[in-house]
C-alpha atoms as a PDB file:
ATOM      1  CA  MET A   1       0.000   0.000   0.000  1.00  0.00           C
ATOM      2  CA  ALA A   2       1.401   3.370  -0.995  1.00  0.00           C
ATOM      3  CA  GLU A   3       1.774   6.075   1.651  1.00  0.00           C
ATOM      4  CA  GLN A   4      -0.832   8.293  -0.007  1.00  0.00           C
ATOM      5  CA  ASP A   5      -3.427   5.485   0.138  1.00  0.00           C
ATOM      6  CA  ARG A   6      -3.336   5.222   3.918  1.00  0.00           C
ATOM      7  CA  VAL A   7      -6.480   6.225   5.749  1.00  0.00           C
ATOM      8  CA  TYR A   8      -6.315   7.207   9.386  1.00  0.00           C
ATOM      9  CA  LYS A   9      -9.384   7.186  11.584  1.00  0.00           C
ATOM     10  CA  CYS A  10      -9.540   8.775  15.006  1.00  0.00           C
ATOM     11  CA  LEU A  11     -12.125   9.820  17.557  1.00  0.00           C
ATOM     12  CA  ASN A  12     -12.362  13.394  18.709  1.00  0.00           C
ATOM     13  CA  PRO A  13     -11.586  13.315  22.459  1.00  0.00           C
ATOM     14  CA  VAL A  14     -13.915  16.289  23.000  1.00  0.00           C
ATOM     15  CA  GLY A  15     -16.885  14.276  21.889  1.00  0.00           C
ATOM     16  CA  ILE A  16     -20.201  15.674  20.747  1.00  0.00           C
ATOM     17  CA  GLN A  17     -21.820  18.117  23.092  1.00  0.00           C
ATOM     18  CA  MET A  18     -25.534  18.595  22.893  1.00  0.00           C
ATOM     19  CA  PRO A  19     -26.698  22.217  22.639  1.00  0.00           C
ATOM     20  CA  ILE A  20     -27.892  23.705  25.895  1.00  0.00           C
ATOM     21  CA  LYS A  21     -30.369  26.459  26.545  1.00  0.00           C
ATOM     22  CA  THR A  22     -28.912  29.428  28.404  1.00  0.00           C
ATOM     23  CA  PHE A  23     -30.702  32.266  30.096  1.00  0.00           C
ATOM     24  CA  PRO A  24     -29.514  35.272  32.117  1.00  0.00           C
ATOM     25  CA  LEU A  25     -29.837  35.337  35.888  1.00  0.00           C
ATOM     26  CA  ALA A  26     -30.591  39.055  35.758  1.00  0.00           C
ATOM     27  CA  SER A  27     -31.350  41.606  33.086  1.00  0.00           C
ATOM     28  CA  ARG A  28     -28.504  43.637  31.608  1.00  0.00           C
ATOM     29  CA  LEU A  29     -27.779  47.044  33.061  1.00  0.00           C
ATOM     30  CA  ASP A  30     -28.760  49.874  30.732  1.00  0.00           C
ATOM     31  CA  THR A  31     -25.671  51.869  31.788  1.00  0.00           C
ATOM     32  CA  LEU A  32     -22.770  51.416  34.163  1.00  0.00           C
ATOM     33  CA  ASP A  33     -22.571  55.074  35.157  1.00  0.00           C
ATOM     34  CA  GLY A  34     -23.448  55.525  38.821  1.00  0.00           C
ATOM     35  CA  LYS A  35     -23.960  51.793  39.411  1.00  0.00           C
ATOM     36  CA  GLU A  36     -22.405  49.925  42.326  1.00  0.00           C
ATOM     37  CA  ILE A  37     -20.355  46.983  41.115  1.00  0.00           C
ATOM     38  CA  ILE A  38     -18.521  44.670  43.487  1.00  0.00           C
ATOM     39  CA  LEU A  39     -15.230  43.272  42.205  1.00  0.00           C
ATOM     40  CA  SER A  40     -14.514  40.165  44.259  1.00  0.00           C
ATOM     41  CA  ILE A  41     -11.003  38.780  43.817  1.00  0.00           C
ATOM     42  CA  THR A  42     -10.053  35.314  45.101  1.00  0.00           C
ATOM     43  CA  GLY A  43      -6.787  33.419  44.758  1.00  0.00           C
ATOM     44  CA  GLU A  44      -3.435  34.456  43.303  1.00  0.00           C
ATOM     45  CA  PRO A  45      -3.221  38.161  42.441  1.00  0.00           C
ATOM     46  CA  ASP A  46      -1.135  37.780  39.270  1.00  0.00           C
ATOM     47  CA  ILE A  47      -3.755  38.630  36.608  1.00  0.00           C
ATOM     48  CA  THR A  48      -6.292  40.254  38.889  1.00  0.00           C
ATOM     49  CA  ILE A  49      -4.029  43.238  39.693  1.00  0.00           C
ATOM     50  CA  PRO A  50      -4.026  44.512  36.082  1.00  0.00           C
ATOM     51  CA  LEU A  51      -7.730  43.606  35.756  1.00  0.00           C
ATOM     52  CA  GLU A  52      -8.591  45.765  38.751  1.00  0.00           C
ATOM     53  CA  LYS A  53      -6.474  48.686  37.486  1.00  0.00           C
ATOM     54  CA  LYS A  54      -8.004  48.459  34.005  1.00  0.00           C
ATOM     55  CA  LEU A  55     -11.605  48.321  35.224  1.00  0.00           C
ATOM     56  CA  LEU A  56     -11.134  51.212  37.639  1.00  0.00           C
ATOM     57  CA  SER A  57      -9.482  53.390  34.984  1.00  0.00           C
ATOM     58  CA  GLU A  58     -11.815  52.471  32.089  1.00  0.00           C
ATOM     59  CA  TYR A  59     -15.005  52.971  34.096  1.00  0.00           C
ATOM     60  CA  PRO A  60     -14.409  55.933  36.443  1.00  0.00           C
ATOM     61  CA  ASN A  61     -18.136  56.701  36.841  1.00  0.00           C
ATOM     62  CA  VAL A  62     -18.846  53.312  38.407  1.00  0.00           C
ATOM     63  CA  ASN A  63     -18.992  53.041  42.187  1.00  0.00           C
ATOM     64  CA  TRP A  64     -16.518  50.184  42.594  1.00  0.00           C
ATOM     65  CA  LYS A  65     -16.311  48.139  45.775  1.00  0.00           C
ATOM     66  CA  VAL A  66     -13.294  45.828  45.719  1.00  0.00           C
ATOM     67  CA  LYS A  67     -13.112  42.807  48.023  1.00  0.00           C
ATOM     68  CA  LYS A  68      -9.992  40.642  48.011  1.00  0.00           C
ATOM     69  CA  THR A  69      -8.841  37.416  49.563  1.00  0.00           C
ATOM     70  CA  TYR A  70      -5.693  35.628  48.480  1.00  0.00           C
ATOM     71  CA  THR A  71      -6.881  32.251  49.671  1.00  0.00           C
ATOM     72  CA  THR A  72      -8.926  29.521  48.012  1.00  0.00           C
ATOM     73  CA  VAL A  73     -12.114  30.579  49.807  1.00  0.00           C
ATOM     74  CA  PRO A  74     -14.150  33.170  47.869  1.00  0.00           C
ATOM     75  CA  VAL A  75     -15.147  36.399  49.577  1.00  0.00           C
ATOM     76  CA  LYS A  76     -18.714  36.204  50.828  1.00  0.00           C
ATOM     77  CA  LEU A  77     -21.054  39.111  50.232  1.00  0.00           C
ATOM     78  CA  SER A  78     -23.104  40.394  53.111  1.00  0.00           C
ATOM     79  CA  ASP A  79     -26.890  40.388  52.886  1.00  0.00           C
ATOM     80  CA  GLU A  80     -26.801  44.181  52.499  1.00  0.00           C
ATOM     81  CA  GLU A  81     -24.324  43.935  49.593  1.00  0.00           C
ATOM     82  CA  MET A  82     -26.507  41.322  47.922  1.00  0.00           C
ATOM     83  CA  LYS A  83     -29.489  43.688  48.096  1.00  0.00           C
ATOM     84  CA  THR A  84     -27.791  46.940  47.109  1.00  0.00           C
ATOM     85  CA  ALA A  85     -25.159  45.955  44.516  1.00  0.00           C
ATOM     86  CA  ASP A  86     -26.111  46.362  40.878  1.00  0.00           C
ATOM     87  CA  ALA A  87     -23.591  43.777  39.648  1.00  0.00           C
ATOM     88  CA  LEU A  88     -20.795  41.453  40.753  1.00  0.00           C
ATOM     89  CA  ILE A  89     -17.586  40.473  39.004  1.00  0.00           C
ATOM     90  CA  GLN A  90     -16.113  37.341  40.602  1.00  0.00           C
ATOM     91  CA  ALA A  91     -12.442  37.017  39.609  1.00  0.00           C
ATOM     92  CA  ILE A  92     -10.903  33.678  40.625  1.00  0.00           C
ATOM     93  CA  CYS A  93      -7.313  32.801  39.814  1.00  0.00           C
ATOM     94  CA  TRP A  94      -5.197  29.878  41.016  1.00  0.00           C
END
């Protein structure tokens, strides 16, 4: 058999994923100006430091509240924060 006549068969290790239906947990904010957004950072600070700087500089009209923990346990929001915050960004890096 010539080299060009060889046929290789393989299975894709990813497999076939069935489509899933997604839906938002909350409606999108119409604007970020004046909104309170909590940036919760958990884990190693290597990529979250530039992320925090970028978000704070790109969106100066947002009322940012930054919570950090450099452990594997995420920062918990208080009941008051859950009620009053307009959005949450959970940044986890290990």
